Every structure is written in structure tokens, then in C-alpha cells.
Amino acid sequence: MTTKNEVINLIKQKISDSEVLVENLNGDDHLQVTVISSKFKGLSLVKQHQLVYSALREELASESIHALALKTETPT
């Protein structure tokens, strides 16, 4: 099981300027994650999501995160 703080820390290690919000949807392994970062500027939505997925690669592969609803944004 991966905690909310672990998810936040893993994403912030990969995307240093990010603001990360994590909510449990259905148990601790079903998460909704919102990531806001200026590093997403100019990237397609697919590339933005790939960047976040790369930060959570091990957790997704081991299924400590079973389901991930992901939203990415640039700061306003």
C-alpha cells in the first residue's frame, strides 16, 4: 500500500515545482491525483500524464496503486 504522502513525494521528486492533491476513491489503492506544474506547459495531455506515470512506475507495476484517476494542469 502506498500512502498519500508517498505519492506526493514521488511526484514532487520527478516534477519539482508541482502541486499535488491526492484523494482516496475506493480504498487506499484507488486514487484520484491532480498535479499542477509549469513543466506541463507546451506538453500534450498524453505527455503530461506519461511524466506523472513515470514517477509512479513501481507503485503501478506492483499494484500498490491499483487504479489512478489523473488530472494534470498548468498553473493559472
PDB file of N, CA and C in Angstrom:
ATOM      1  N   MET A   1       0.850  -1.186   0.000  1.00  0.00           N
ATOM      2  CA  MET A   1       0.000   0.000   0.000  1.00  0.00           C
ATOM      3  C   MET A   1       0.892   1.245   0.000  1.00  0.00           C
ATOM      4  N   THR A   2       0.547   2.184  -0.808  1.00  0.00           N
ATOM      5  CA  THR A   2       1.267   3.449  -0.910  1.00  0.00           C
ATOM      6  C   THR A   2       0.422   4.537  -0.262  1.00  0.00           C
ATOM      7  N   THR A   3       1.017   5.322   0.624  1.00  0.00           N
ATOM      8  CA  THR A   3       0.279   6.381   1.315  1.00  0.00           C
ATOM      9  C   THR A   3       0.168   7.623   0.433  1.00  0.00           C
ATOM     10  N   LYS A   4      -0.755   8.490   0.800  1.00  0.00           N
ATOM     11  CA  LYS A   4      -0.915   9.758   0.080  1.00  0.00           C
ATOM     12  C   LYS A   4       0.391  10.536   0.064  1.00  0.00           C
ATOM     13  N   ASN A   5       1.070  10.598   1.219  1.00  0.00           N
ATOM     14  CA  ASN A   5       2.320  11.347   1.299  1.00  0.00           C
ATOM     15  C   ASN A   5       3.399  10.752   0.417  1.00  0.00           C
ATOM     16  N   GLU A   6       3.443   9.428   0.311  1.00  0.00           N
ATOM     17  CA  GLU A   6       4.415   8.783  -0.571  1.00  0.00           C
ATOM     18  C   GLU A   6       4.144   9.142  -2.027  1.00  0.00           C
ATOM     19  N   VAL A   7       2.883   9.149  -2.422  1.00  0.00           N
ATOM     20  CA  VAL A   7       2.525   9.530  -3.788  1.00  0.00           C
ATOM     21  C   VAL A   7       2.952  10.973  -4.057  1.00  0.00           C
ATOM     22  N   ILE A   8       2.640  11.857  -3.134  1.00  0.00           N
ATOM     23  CA  ILE A   8       3.019  13.268  -3.281  1.00  0.00           C
ATOM     24  C   ILE A   8       4.530  13.400  -3.411  1.00  0.00           C
ATOM     25  N   ASN A   9       5.274  12.739  -2.539  1.00  0.00           N
ATOM     26  CA  ASN A   9       6.735  12.834  -2.567  1.00  0.00           C
ATOM     27  C   ASN A   9       7.330  12.277  -3.850  1.00  0.00           C
ATOM     28  N   LEU A  10       6.810  11.155  -4.326  1.00  0.00           N
ATOM     29  CA  LEU A  10       7.318  10.563  -5.564  1.00  0.00           C
ATOM     30  C   LEU A  10       7.096  11.500  -6.751  1.00  0.00           C
ATOM     31  N   ILE A  11       5.931  12.097  -6.823  1.00  0.00           N
ATOM     32  CA  ILE A  11       5.654  13.017  -7.930  1.00  0.00           C
ATOM     33  C   ILE A  11       6.512  14.264  -7.815  1.00  0.00           C
ATOM     34  N   LYS A  12       6.662  14.802  -6.600  1.00  0.00           N
ATOM     35  CA  LYS A  12       7.476  16.008  -6.421  1.00  0.00           C
ATOM     36  C   LYS A  12       8.961  15.749  -6.707  1.00  0.00           C
ATOM     37  N   GLN A  13       9.431  14.532  -6.506  1.00  0.00           N
ATOM     38  CA  GLN A  13      10.810  14.194  -6.862  1.00  0.00           C
ATOM     39  C   GLN A  13      11.008  14.274  -8.369  1.00  0.00           C
ATOM     40  N   LYS A  14      10.009  13.862  -9.118  1.00  0.00           N
ATOM     41  CA  LYS A  14      10.081  13.847 -10.584  1.00  0.00           C
ATOM     42  C   LYS A  14       9.746  15.213 -11.176  1.00  0.00           C
ATOM     43  N   ILE A  15       8.760  15.887 -10.568  1.00  0.00           N
ATOM     44  CA  ILE A  15       8.277  17.180 -11.072  1.00  0.00           C
ATOM     45  C   ILE A  15       8.390  18.169  -9.916  1.00  0.00           C
ATOM     46  N   SER A  16       9.554  18.768  -9.785  1.00  0.00           N
ATOM     47  CA  SER A  16       9.912  19.503  -8.568  1.00  0.00           C
ATOM     48  C   SER A  16       9.003  20.685  -8.243  1.00  0.00           C
ATOM     49  N   ASP A  17       8.455  21.348  -9.236  1.00  0.00           N
ATOM     50  CA  ASP A  17       7.627  22.529  -8.948  1.00  0.00           C
ATOM     51  C   ASP A  17       6.146  22.203  -8.805  1.00  0.00           C
ATOM     52  N   SER A  18       5.816  20.929  -8.710  1.00  0.00           N
ATOM     53  CA  SER A  18       4.406  20.530  -8.753  1.00  0.00           C
ATOM     54  C   SER A  18       3.667  20.752  -7.446  1.00  0.00           C
ATOM     55  N   GLU A  19       2.378  21.011  -7.610  1.00  0.00           N
ATOM     56  CA  GLU A  19       1.418  20.977  -6.501  1.00  0.00           C
ATOM     57  C   GLU A  19       0.623  19.706  -6.727  1.00  0.00           C
ATOM     58  N   VAL A  20       0.529  18.868  -5.711  1.00  0.00           N
ATOM     59  CA  VAL A  20      -0.085  17.548  -5.871  1.00  0.00           C
ATOM     60  C   VAL A  20      -1.208  17.371  -4.853  1.00  0.00           C
ATOM     61  N   LEU A  21      -2.374  16.984  -5.344  1.00  0.00           N
ATOM     62  CA  LEU A  21      -3.515  16.691  -4.488  1.00  0.00           C
ATOM     63  C   LEU A  21      -3.892  15.233  -4.704  1.00  0.00           C
ATOM     64  N   VAL A  22      -4.053  14.491  -3.613  1.00  0.00           N
ATOM     65  CA  VAL A  22      -4.358  13.065  -3.692  1.00  0.00           C
ATOM     66  C   VAL A  22      -5.604  12.773  -2.863  1.00  0.00           C
ATOM     67  N   GLU A  23      -6.548  12.049  -3.473  1.00  0.00           N
ATOM     68  CA  GLU A  23      -7.755  11.618  -2.767  1.00  0.00           C
ATOM     69  C   GLU A  23      -7.925  10.118  -2.944  1.00  0.00           C
ATOM     70  N   ASN A  24      -8.350   9.447  -1.888  1.00  0.00           N
ATOM     71  CA  ASN A  24      -8.713   8.021  -1.981  1.00  0.00           C
ATOM     72  C   ASN A  24     -10.110   7.934  -2.569  1.00  0.00           C
ATOM     73  N   LEU A  25     -10.281   7.102  -3.581  1.00  0.00           N
ATOM     74  CA  LEU A  25     -11.596   6.923  -4.196  1.00  0.00           C
ATOM     75  C   LEU A  25     -12.317   5.710  -3.647  1.00  0.00           C
ATOM     76  N   ASN A  26     -11.601   4.579  -3.567  1.00  0.00           N
ATOM     77  CA  ASN A  26     -12.233   3.334  -3.128  1.00  0.00           C
ATOM     78  C   ASN A  26     -11.142   2.482  -2.498  1.00  0.00           C
ATOM     79  N   GLY A  27     -10.825   2.789  -1.270  1.00  0.00           N
ATOM     80  CA  GLY A  27      -9.711   2.098  -0.626  1.00  0.00           C
ATOM     81  C   GLY A  27      -8.417   2.830  -0.916  1.00  0.00           C
ATOM     82  N   ASP A  28      -7.345   2.398  -0.303  1.00  0.00           N
ATOM     83  CA  ASP A  28      -6.072   3.098  -0.410  1.00  0.00           C
ATOM     84  C   ASP A  28      -5.353   2.864  -1.732  1.00  0.00           C
ATOM     85  N   ASP A  29      -5.833   1.929  -2.553  1.00  0.00           N
ATOM     86  CA  ASP A  29      -5.136   1.661  -3.809  1.00  0.00           C
ATOM     87  C   ASP A  29      -5.877   2.206  -5.033  1.00  0.00           C
ATOM     88  N   HIS A  30      -6.972   2.928  -4.816  1.00  0.00           N
ATOM     89  CA  HIS A  30      -7.711   3.601  -5.883  1.00  0.00           C
ATOM     90  C   HIS A  30      -7.630   5.101  -5.606  1.00  0.00           C
ATOM     91  N   LEU A  31      -6.863   5.808  -6.419  1.00  0.00           N
ATOM     92  CA  LEU A  31      -6.560   7.201  -6.116  1.00  0.00           C
ATOM     93  C   LEU A  31      -6.989   8.136  -7.235  1.00  0.00           C
ATOM     94  N   GLN A  32      -7.358   9.342  -6.834  1.00  0.00           N
ATOM     95  CA  GLN A  32      -7.534  10.445  -7.765  1.00  0.00           C
ATOM     96  C   GLN A  32      -6.418  11.428  -7.463  1.00  0.00           C
ATOM     97  N   VAL A  33      -5.623  11.734  -8.468  1.00  0.00           N
ATOM     98  CA  VAL A  33      -4.462  12.602  -8.280  1.00  0.00           C
ATOM     99  C   VAL A  33      -4.566  13.778  -9.242  1.00  0.00           C
ATOM    100  N   THR A  34      -4.391  14.977  -8.711  1.00  0.00           N
ATOM    101  CA  THR A  34      -4.318  16.191  -9.514  1.00  0.00           C
ATOM    102  C   THR A  34      -2.912  16.753  -9.356  1.00  0.00           C
ATOM    103  N   VAL A  35      -2.258  17.020 -10.490  1.00  0.00           N
ATOM    104  CA  VAL A  35      -0.906  17.562 -10.477  1.00  0.00           C
ATOM    105  C   VAL A  35      -0.916  18.866 -11.269  1.00  0.00           C
ATOM    106  N   ILE A  36      -0.435  19.930 -10.632  1.00  0.00           N
ATOM    107  CA  ILE A  36      -0.349  21.238 -11.270  1.00  0.00           C
ATOM    108  C   ILE A  36       1.134  21.592 -11.362  1.00  0.00           C
ATOM    109  N   SER A  37       1.600  21.871 -12.588  1.00  0.00           N
ATOM    110  CA  SER A  37       3.018  22.178 -12.766  1.00  0.00           C
ATOM    111  C   SER A  37       3.236  23.026 -14.011  1.00  0.00           C
ATOM    112  N   SER A  38       4.152  23.969 -13.915  1.00  0.00           N
ATOM    113  CA  SER A  38       4.529  24.763 -15.083  1.00  0.00           C
ATOM    114  C   SER A  38       5.303  23.915 -16.090  1.00  0.00           C
ATOM    115  N   LYS A  39       5.840  22.785 -15.667  1.00  0.00           N
ATOM    116  CA  LYS A  39       6.571  21.893 -16.579  1.00  0.00           C
ATOM    117  C   LYS A  39       5.648  21.246 -17.607  1.00  0.00           C
ATOM    118  N   PHE A  40       4.342  21.319 -17.411  1.00  0.00           N
ATOM    119  CA  PHE A  40       3.385  20.770 -18.361  1.00  0.00           C
ATOM    120  C   PHE A  40       3.133  21.719 -19.537  1.00  0.00           C
ATOM    121  N   LYS A  41       3.578  22.967 -19.411  1.00  0.00           N
ATOM    122  CA  LYS A  41       3.319  23.954 -20.454  1.00  0.00           C
ATOM    123  C   LYS A  41       3.912  23.480 -21.780  1.00  0.00           C
ATOM    124  N   GLY A  42       3.093  23.469 -22.802  1.00  0.00           N
ATOM    125  CA  GLY A  42       3.530  23.065 -24.131  1.00  0.00           C
ATOM    126  C   GLY A  42       3.517  21.568 -24.381  1.00  0.00           C
ATOM    127  N   LEU A  43       3.223  20.773 -23.342  1.00  0.00           N
ATOM    128  CA  LEU A  43       3.157  19.319 -23.498  1.00  0.00           C
ATOM    129  C   LEU A  43       1.728  18.892 -23.777  1.00  0.00           C
ATOM    130  N   SER A  44       1.570  17.866 -24.598  1.00  0.00           N
ATOM    131  CA  SER A  44       0.241  17.298 -24.813  1.00  0.00           C
ATOM    132  C   SER A  44      -0.238  16.656 -23.515  1.00  0.00           C
ATOM    133  N   LEU A  45      -1.526  16.409 -23.433  1.00  0.00           N
ATOM    134  CA  LEU A  45      -2.089  15.757 -22.257  1.00  0.00           C
ATOM    135  C   LEU A  45      -1.448  14.385 -22.059  1.00  0.00           C
ATOM    136  N   VAL A  46      -1.212  13.658 -23.141  1.00  0.00           N
ATOM    137  CA  VAL A  46      -0.579  12.340 -23.051  1.00  0.00           C
ATOM    138  C   VAL A  46       0.818  12.463 -22.449  1.00  0.00           C
ATOM    139  N   LYS A  47       1.601  13.430 -22.907  1.00  0.00           N
ATOM    140  CA  LYS A  47       2.964  13.622 -22.378  1.00  0.00           C
ATOM    141  C   LYS A  47       2.928  14.040 -20.907  1.00  0.00           C
ATOM    142  N   GLN A  48       1.960  14.861 -20.530  1.00  0.00           N
ATOM    143  CA  GLN A  48       1.814  15.264 -19.132  1.00  0.00           C
ATOM    144  C   GLN A  48       1.554  14.040 -18.263  1.00  0.00           C
ATOM    145  N   HIS A  49       0.639  13.202 -18.698  1.00  0.00           N
ATOM    146  CA  HIS A  49       0.289  12.007 -17.924  1.00  0.00           C
ATOM    147  C   HIS A  49       1.458  11.021 -17.886  1.00  0.00           C
ATOM    148  N   GLN A  50       2.182  10.887 -18.989  1.00  0.00           N
ATOM    149  CA  GLN A  50       3.339   9.996 -19.006  1.00  0.00           C
ATOM    150  C   GLN A  50       4.388  10.438 -17.997  1.00  0.00           C
ATOM    151  N   LEU A  51       4.558  11.740 -17.833  1.00  0.00           N
ATOM    152  CA  LEU A  51       5.513  12.259 -16.862  1.00  0.00           C
ATOM    153  C   LEU A  51       5.115  11.855 -15.441  1.00  0.00           C
ATOM    154  N   VAL A  52       3.837  11.952 -15.133  1.00  0.00           N
ATOM    155  CA  VAL A  52       3.355  11.559 -13.802  1.00  0.00           C
ATOM    156  C   VAL A  52       3.451  10.042 -13.633  1.00  0.00           C
ATOM    157  N   TYR A  53       3.033   9.293 -14.648  1.00  0.00           N
ATOM    158  CA  TYR A  53       3.114   7.824 -14.576  1.00  0.00           C
ATOM    159  C   TYR A  53       4.553   7.367 -14.343  1.00  0.00           C
ATOM    160  N   SER A  54       5.516   8.055 -14.949  1.00  0.00           N
ATOM    161  CA  SER A  54       6.911   7.653 -14.761  1.00  0.00           C
ATOM    162  C   SER A  54       7.357   7.827 -13.317  1.00  0.00           C
ATOM    163  N   ALA A  55       6.769   8.782 -12.608  1.00  0.00           N
ATOM    164  CA  ALA A  55       7.090   8.982 -11.192  1.00  0.00           C
ATOM    165  C   ALA A  55       6.516   7.871 -10.326  1.00  0.00           C
ATOM    166  N   LEU A  56       5.439   7.254 -10.804  1.00  0.00           N
ATOM    167  CA  LEU A  56       4.736   6.227 -10.023  1.00  0.00           C
ATOM    168  C   LEU A  56       4.885   4.833 -10.634  1.00  0.00           C
ATOM    169  N   ARG A  57       5.856   4.666 -11.509  1.00  0.00           N
ATOM    170  CA  ARG A  57       6.029   3.423 -12.270  1.00  0.00           C
ATOM    171  C   ARG A  57       6.032   2.182 -11.383  1.00  0.00           C
ATOM    172  N   GLU A  58       6.852   2.166 -10.353  1.00  0.00           N
ATOM    173  CA  GLU A  58       6.969   0.981  -9.489  1.00  0.00           C
ATOM    174  C   GLU A  58       5.674   0.699  -8.731  1.00  0.00           C
ATOM    175  N   GLU A  59       5.030   1.747  -8.251  1.00  0.00           N
ATOM    176  CA  GLU A  59       3.796   1.575  -7.481  1.00  0.00           C
ATOM    177  C   GLU A  59       2.674   1.036  -8.364  1.00  0.00           C
ATOM    178  N   LEU A  60       2.632   1.474  -9.617  1.00  0.00           N
ATOM    179  CA  LEU A  60       1.623   0.969 -10.550  1.00  0.00           C
ATOM    180  C   LEU A  60       1.945  -0.465 -10.961  1.00  0.00           C
ATOM    181  N   ALA A  61       3.210  -0.769 -11.206  1.00  0.00           N
ATOM    182  CA  ALA A  61       3.614  -2.116 -11.623  1.00  0.00           C
ATOM    183  C   ALA A  61       3.344  -3.146 -10.525  1.00  0.00           C
ATOM    184  N   SER A  62       3.579  -2.766  -9.279  1.00  0.00           N
ATOM    185  CA  SER A  62       3.371  -3.688  -8.158  1.00  0.00           C
ATOM    186  C   SER A  62       1.912  -3.716  -7.697  1.00  0.00           C
ATOM    187  N   GLU A  63       1.098  -2.841  -8.278  1.00  0.00           N
ATOM    188  CA  GLU A  63      -0.309  -2.676  -7.937  1.00  0.00           C
ATOM    189  C   GLU A  63      -0.549  -2.199  -6.509  1.00  0.00           C
ATOM    190  N   SER A  64       0.452  -1.547  -5.900  1.00  0.00           N
ATOM    191  CA  SER A  64       0.160  -0.864  -4.641  1.00  0.00           C
ATOM    192  C   SER A  64      -0.737   0.344  -4.939  1.00  0.00           C
ATOM    193  N   ILE A  65      -0.695   0.811  -6.191  1.00  0.00           N
ATOM    194  CA  ILE A  65      -1.723   1.708  -6.722  1.00  0.00           C
ATOM    195  C   ILE A  65      -2.417   0.900  -7.810  1.00  0.00           C
ATOM    196  N   HIS A  66      -3.654   0.516  -7.552  1.00  0.00           N
ATOM    197  CA  HIS A  66      -4.388  -0.348  -8.476  1.00  0.00           C
ATOM    198  C   HIS A  66      -5.090   0.462  -9.562  1.00  0.00           C
ATOM    199  N   ALA A  67      -5.646   1.610  -9.176  1.00  0.00           N
ATOM    200  CA  ALA A  67      -6.358   2.463 -10.127  1.00  0.00           C
ATOM    201  C   ALA A  67      -5.973   3.908  -9.874  1.00  0.00           C
ATOM    202  N   LEU A  68      -5.771   4.640 -10.970  1.00  0.00           N
ATOM    203  CA  LEU A  68      -5.330   6.026 -10.851  1.00  0.00           C
ATOM    204  C   LEU A  68      -6.149   6.896 -11.796  1.00  0.00           C
ATOM    205  N   ALA A  69      -6.927   7.806 -11.218  1.00  0.00           N
ATOM    206  CA  ALA A  69      -7.627   8.828 -11.994  1.00  0.00           C
ATOM    207  C   ALA A  69      -6.725  10.058 -11.941  1.00  0.00           C
ATOM    208  N   LEU A  70      -6.267  10.518 -13.094  1.00  0.00           N
ATOM    209  CA  LEU A  70      -5.235  11.545 -13.138  1.00  0.00           C
ATOM    210  C   LEU A  70      -5.727  12.786 -13.862  1.00  0.00           C
ATOM    211  N   LYS A  71      -5.458  13.936 -13.251  1.00  0.00           N
ATOM    212  CA  LYS A  71      -5.765  15.226 -13.859  1.00  0.00           C
ATOM    213  C   LYS A  71      -4.509  16.065 -13.786  1.00  0.00           C
ATOM    214  N   THR A  72      -4.096  16.628 -14.909  1.00  0.00           N
ATOM    215  CA  THR A  72      -2.918  17.496 -14.923  1.00  0.00           C
ATOM    216  C   THR A  72      -3.308  18.877 -15.436  1.00  0.00           C
ATOM    217  N   GLU A  73      -2.624  19.893 -14.883  1.00  0.00           N
ATOM    218  CA  GLU A  73      -2.923  21.283 -15.239  1.00  0.00           C
ATOM    219  C   GLU A  73      -1.645  22.102 -15.158  1.00  0.00           C
ATOM    220  N   THR A  74      -1.653  23.242 -15.852  1.00  0.00           N
ATOM    221  CA  THR A  74      -0.610  24.242 -15.660  1.00  0.00           C
ATOM    222  C   THR A  74      -1.165  25.283 -14.698  1.00  0.00           C
ATOM    223  N   PRO A  75      -0.293  25.969 -13.965  1.00  0.00           N
ATOM    224  CA  PRO A  75      -0.775  26.988 -13.024  1.00  0.00           C
ATOM    225  C   PRO A  75      -1.453  28.153 -13.774  1.00  0.00           C
ATOM    226  N   THR A  76      -2.404  28.768 -13.109  1.00  0.00           N
ATOM    227  CA  THR A  76      -3.098  29.911 -13.730  1.00  0.00           C
ATOM    228  C   THR A  76      -2.471  31.216 -13.316  1.00  0.00           C
TER     229      THR A  76
END
